[in-house]
Amino acid sequence: MADTERLWLVAREYGDESLVELVYATPDGERCVVKHFSIQLLRAKDITAAIEVESDRLESVGDSDTRERYAVEVERARDRHDPDDVV
């Protein structure tokens, strides 16, 4: 079984083609995973404050400003929500 890490929801972007991009990041903001969902699917799915992701699926966050922003957002999410809270 692969190692997993807890990631926290740090960004939700609404795109043109009725898609929503969710970004979950590690507490240090160094790595993330991006998920794309249709708006219809999101209406039927619970989006939680945190998820568990296999470590080998994580991407590096290249921009230092983005890493810093993600770290701040993770801290904010952890202060306000339990991992399983629907957000």
N, C-alpha and C. Protein backbone atom coordinates (compact mmCIF):
# COMPACT_ATOMS: atom_id res chain seq x y z
N MET A 1 0.84 -1.19 0.00
CA MET A 1 0.00 0.00 0.00
C MET A 1 0.88 1.24 0.00
N ALA A 2 0.56 2.18 -0.84
CA ALA A 2 1.34 3.41 -0.95
C ALA A 2 1.09 4.31 0.26
N ASP A 3 2.09 5.13 0.59
CA ASP A 3 1.92 6.12 1.65
C ASP A 3 0.93 7.17 1.20
N THR A 4 0.16 7.67 2.16
CA THR A 4 -0.78 8.74 1.84
C THR A 4 -0.47 9.96 2.68
N GLU A 5 -0.94 11.10 2.22
CA GLU A 5 -0.80 12.35 2.94
C GLU A 5 -2.15 13.04 2.98
N ARG A 6 -2.36 13.79 4.06
CA ARG A 6 -3.58 14.58 4.17
C ARG A 6 -3.36 15.92 3.50
N LEU A 7 -4.24 16.26 2.58
CA LEU A 7 -4.21 17.56 1.90
C LEU A 7 -5.48 18.31 2.23
N TRP A 8 -5.38 19.63 2.23
CA TRP A 8 -6.50 20.50 2.59
C TRP A 8 -6.91 21.33 1.39
N LEU A 9 -8.22 21.59 1.31
CA LEU A 9 -8.75 22.39 0.21
C LEU A 9 -8.26 23.83 0.34
N VAL A 10 -7.57 24.30 -0.69
CA VAL A 10 -7.00 25.65 -0.65
C VAL A 10 -7.53 26.56 -1.75
N ALA A 11 -8.15 26.00 -2.77
CA ALA A 11 -8.65 26.84 -3.87
C ALA A 11 -9.80 26.13 -4.58
N ARG A 12 -10.75 26.94 -5.01
CA ARG A 12 -11.89 26.45 -5.79
C ARG A 12 -12.09 27.47 -6.90
N GLU A 13 -11.86 27.05 -8.14
CA GLU A 13 -11.97 27.95 -9.29
C GLU A 13 -13.05 27.44 -10.23
N TYR A 14 -13.89 28.37 -10.67
CA TYR A 14 -14.94 28.02 -11.62
C TYR A 14 -14.46 28.39 -13.02
N GLY A 15 -14.42 27.40 -13.89
CA GLY A 15 -13.94 27.63 -15.23
C GLY A 15 -15.06 27.84 -16.22
N ASP A 16 -14.69 27.97 -17.48
CA ASP A 16 -15.66 28.19 -18.54
C ASP A 16 -16.47 26.93 -18.76
N GLU A 17 -16.26 25.98 -19.20
CA GLU A 17 -17.05 24.84 -19.62
C GLU A 17 -17.77 24.11 -18.48
N SER A 18 -18.36 24.86 -17.55
CA SER A 18 -19.11 24.27 -16.43
C SER A 18 -18.26 23.32 -15.59
N LEU A 19 -16.98 23.61 -15.51
CA LEU A 19 -16.07 22.81 -14.69
C LEU A 19 -15.62 23.60 -13.48
N VAL A 20 -15.38 22.88 -12.40
CA VAL A 20 -14.84 23.47 -11.18
C VAL A 20 -13.52 22.77 -10.90
N GLU A 21 -12.50 23.57 -10.60
CA GLU A 21 -11.18 23.05 -10.26
C GLU A 21 -10.99 23.19 -8.76
N LEU A 22 -10.73 22.08 -8.09
CA LEU A 22 -10.43 22.08 -6.66
C LEU A 22 -8.96 21.78 -6.48
N VAL A 23 -8.29 22.58 -5.65
CA VAL A 23 -6.88 22.36 -5.36
C VAL A 23 -6.76 22.02 -3.88
N TYR A 24 -6.15 20.88 -3.60
CA TYR A 24 -5.84 20.46 -2.24
C TYR A 24 -4.32 20.48 -2.10
N ALA A 25 -3.82 21.01 -0.97
CA ALA A 25 -2.38 21.15 -0.80
C ALA A 25 -1.92 20.59 0.54
N THR A 26 -0.64 20.27 0.60
CA THR A 26 -0.01 19.85 1.85
C THR A 26 0.11 21.05 2.78
N PRO A 27 0.25 20.83 4.08
CA PRO A 27 0.34 21.95 5.02
C PRO A 27 1.45 22.95 4.74
N ASP A 28 2.54 22.51 4.14
CA ASP A 28 3.63 23.44 3.82
C ASP A 28 3.44 24.14 2.48
N GLY A 29 2.40 23.76 1.75
CA GLY A 29 2.12 24.37 0.45
C GLY A 29 3.04 23.91 -0.66
N GLU A 30 3.92 22.97 -0.38
CA GLU A 30 4.91 22.53 -1.36
C GLU A 30 4.35 21.61 -2.44
N ARG A 31 3.31 20.84 -2.10
CA ARG A 31 2.77 19.88 -3.07
C ARG A 31 1.26 19.95 -3.06
N CYS A 32 0.66 19.54 -4.18
CA CYS A 32 -0.79 19.64 -4.30
C CYS A 32 -1.32 18.57 -5.24
N VAL A 33 -2.64 18.48 -5.27
CA VAL A 33 -3.35 17.69 -6.26
C VAL A 33 -4.51 18.55 -6.73
N VAL A 34 -4.76 18.52 -8.03
CA VAL A 34 -5.83 19.30 -8.64
C VAL A 34 -6.88 18.34 -9.15
N LYS A 35 -8.13 18.62 -8.78
CA LYS A 35 -9.25 17.78 -9.22
C LYS A 35 -10.22 18.65 -10.01
N HIS A 36 -10.76 18.10 -11.08
CA HIS A 36 -11.75 18.79 -11.91
C HIS A 36 -13.07 18.04 -11.84
N PHE A 37 -14.13 18.79 -11.59
CA PHE A 37 -15.46 18.20 -11.51
C PHE A 37 -16.43 19.06 -12.32
N SER A 38 -17.43 18.42 -12.87
CA SER A 38 -18.51 19.18 -13.48
C SER A 38 -19.35 19.77 -12.35
N ILE A 39 -20.03 20.86 -12.64
CA ILE A 39 -20.89 21.47 -11.63
C ILE A 39 -22.00 20.49 -11.25
N GLN A 40 -22.51 19.74 -12.19
CA GLN A 40 -23.54 18.74 -11.89
C GLN A 40 -23.04 17.70 -10.90
N LEU A 41 -21.84 17.21 -11.10
CA LEU A 41 -21.28 16.20 -10.19
C LEU A 41 -21.07 16.79 -8.80
N LEU A 42 -20.62 18.02 -8.73
CA LEU A 42 -20.40 18.65 -7.43
C LEU A 42 -21.69 18.77 -6.63
N ARG A 43 -22.79 18.97 -7.30
CA ARG A 43 -24.07 19.06 -6.60
C ARG A 43 -24.44 17.75 -5.92
N ALA A 44 -23.93 16.64 -6.43
CA ALA A 44 -24.24 15.32 -5.90
C ALA A 44 -23.14 14.76 -5.00
N LYS A 45 -22.04 15.47 -4.87
CA LYS A 45 -20.87 14.97 -4.15
C LYS A 45 -20.56 15.88 -2.98
N ASP A 46 -20.20 15.28 -1.84
CA ASP A 46 -19.74 16.06 -0.70
C ASP A 46 -18.26 16.38 -0.87
N ILE A 47 -17.93 17.67 -0.80
CA ILE A 47 -16.54 18.11 -0.87
C ILE A 47 -16.10 18.38 0.56
N THR A 48 -15.06 17.68 0.99
CA THR A 48 -14.61 17.81 2.37
C THR A 48 -13.41 18.75 2.46
N ALA A 49 -13.18 19.23 3.68
CA ALA A 49 -12.09 20.17 3.93
C ALA A 49 -10.72 19.54 3.65
N ALA A 50 -10.62 18.23 3.83
CA ALA A 50 -9.34 17.55 3.60
C ALA A 50 -9.60 16.19 2.95
N ILE A 51 -8.58 15.70 2.28
CA ILE A 51 -8.63 14.37 1.67
C ILE A 51 -7.30 13.68 1.90
N GLU A 52 -7.31 12.38 1.79
CA GLU A 52 -6.09 11.58 1.84
C GLU A 52 -5.72 11.21 0.40
N VAL A 53 -4.46 11.46 0.05
CA VAL A 53 -4.00 11.22 -1.32
C VAL A 53 -2.70 10.43 -1.27
N GLU A 54 -2.56 9.48 -2.18
CA GLU A 54 -1.30 8.74 -2.27
C GLU A 54 -0.17 9.70 -2.62
N SER A 55 0.93 9.59 -1.91
CA SER A 55 2.05 10.52 -2.07
C SER A 55 2.56 10.60 -3.50
N ASP A 56 2.52 9.49 -4.23
CA ASP A 56 3.05 9.51 -5.59
C ASP A 56 2.13 10.22 -6.58
N ARG A 57 0.94 10.64 -6.16
CA ARG A 57 0.02 11.39 -7.03
C ARG A 57 0.18 12.90 -6.88
N LEU A 58 1.00 13.35 -5.94
CA LEU A 58 1.13 14.78 -5.66
C LEU A 58 2.05 15.45 -6.66
N GLU A 59 1.71 16.70 -6.98
CA GLU A 59 2.54 17.51 -7.87
C GLU A 59 3.25 18.58 -7.06
N SER A 60 4.41 18.99 -7.50
CA SER A 60 5.13 20.08 -6.85
C SER A 60 4.49 21.41 -7.24
N VAL A 61 4.47 22.33 -6.29
CA VAL A 61 4.00 23.69 -6.55
C VAL A 61 5.24 24.52 -6.85
N GLY A 62 5.37 24.98 -8.09
CA GLY A 62 6.60 25.62 -8.54
C GLY A 62 6.80 27.05 -8.09
N ASP A 63 5.74 27.78 -7.91
CA ASP A 63 5.84 29.21 -7.63
C ASP A 63 5.86 29.45 -6.12
N SER A 64 6.84 30.21 -5.63
CA SER A 64 6.97 30.44 -4.19
C SER A 64 5.79 31.21 -3.62
N ASP A 65 5.24 32.16 -4.37
CA ASP A 65 4.08 32.90 -3.90
C ASP A 65 2.86 31.98 -3.73
N THR A 66 2.71 31.07 -4.67
CA THR A 66 1.60 30.12 -4.59
C THR A 66 1.80 29.18 -3.42
N ARG A 67 3.02 28.70 -3.22
CA ARG A 67 3.30 27.82 -2.07
C ARG A 67 2.94 28.52 -0.76
N GLU A 68 3.33 29.77 -0.65
CA GLU A 68 3.05 30.54 0.56
C GLU A 68 1.54 30.73 0.75
N ARG A 69 0.85 31.04 -0.34
CA ARG A 69 -0.61 31.22 -0.27
C ARG A 69 -1.30 29.93 0.13
N TYR A 70 -0.85 28.81 -0.45
CA TYR A 70 -1.44 27.52 -0.10
C TYR A 70 -1.21 27.19 1.37
N ALA A 71 -0.01 27.44 1.87
CA ALA A 71 0.29 27.17 3.28
C ALA A 71 -0.62 27.98 4.20
N VAL A 72 -0.85 29.24 3.86
CA VAL A 72 -1.74 30.10 4.65
C VAL A 72 -3.17 29.56 4.59
N GLU A 73 -3.61 29.15 3.40
CA GLU A 73 -4.97 28.63 3.25
C GLU A 73 -5.15 27.31 4.00
N VAL A 74 -4.12 26.47 4.01
CA VAL A 74 -4.21 25.22 4.78
C VAL A 74 -4.36 25.54 6.26
N GLU A 75 -3.57 26.45 6.76
CA GLU A 75 -3.67 26.84 8.16
C GLU A 75 -5.08 27.35 8.49
N ARG A 76 -5.61 28.16 7.62
CA ARG A 76 -6.97 28.69 7.81
C ARG A 76 -7.99 27.56 7.81
N ALA A 77 -7.87 26.64 6.87
CA ALA A 77 -8.82 25.52 6.79
C ALA A 77 -8.72 24.64 8.03
N ARG A 78 -7.51 24.37 8.50
CA ARG A 78 -7.32 23.53 9.68
C ARG A 78 -7.89 24.18 10.93
N ASP A 79 -7.80 25.51 11.00
CA ASP A 79 -8.35 26.24 12.16
C ASP A 79 -9.88 26.23 12.17
N ARG A 80 -10.48 26.18 11.01
CA ARG A 80 -11.94 26.33 10.90
C ARG A 80 -12.70 25.02 10.74
N HIS A 81 -12.02 23.97 10.28
CA HIS A 81 -12.72 22.74 9.91
C HIS A 81 -12.00 21.49 10.40
N ASP A 82 -12.81 20.46 10.66
CA ASP A 82 -12.27 19.12 10.82
C ASP A 82 -12.07 18.57 9.41
N PRO A 83 -11.19 17.60 9.25
CA PRO A 83 -10.93 17.07 7.90
C PRO A 83 -12.17 16.59 7.15
N ASP A 84 -13.13 16.01 7.85
CA ASP A 84 -14.32 15.45 7.19
C ASP A 84 -15.46 16.44 7.05
N ASP A 85 -15.27 17.68 7.45
CA ASP A 85 -16.33 18.69 7.29
C ASP A 85 -16.61 18.93 5.81
N VAL A 86 -17.87 19.00 5.46
CA VAL A 86 -18.26 19.32 4.09
C VAL A 86 -18.17 20.83 3.94
N VAL A 87 -17.46 21.25 2.90
CA VAL A 87 -17.26 22.69 2.68
C VAL A 87 -17.81 23.12 1.33
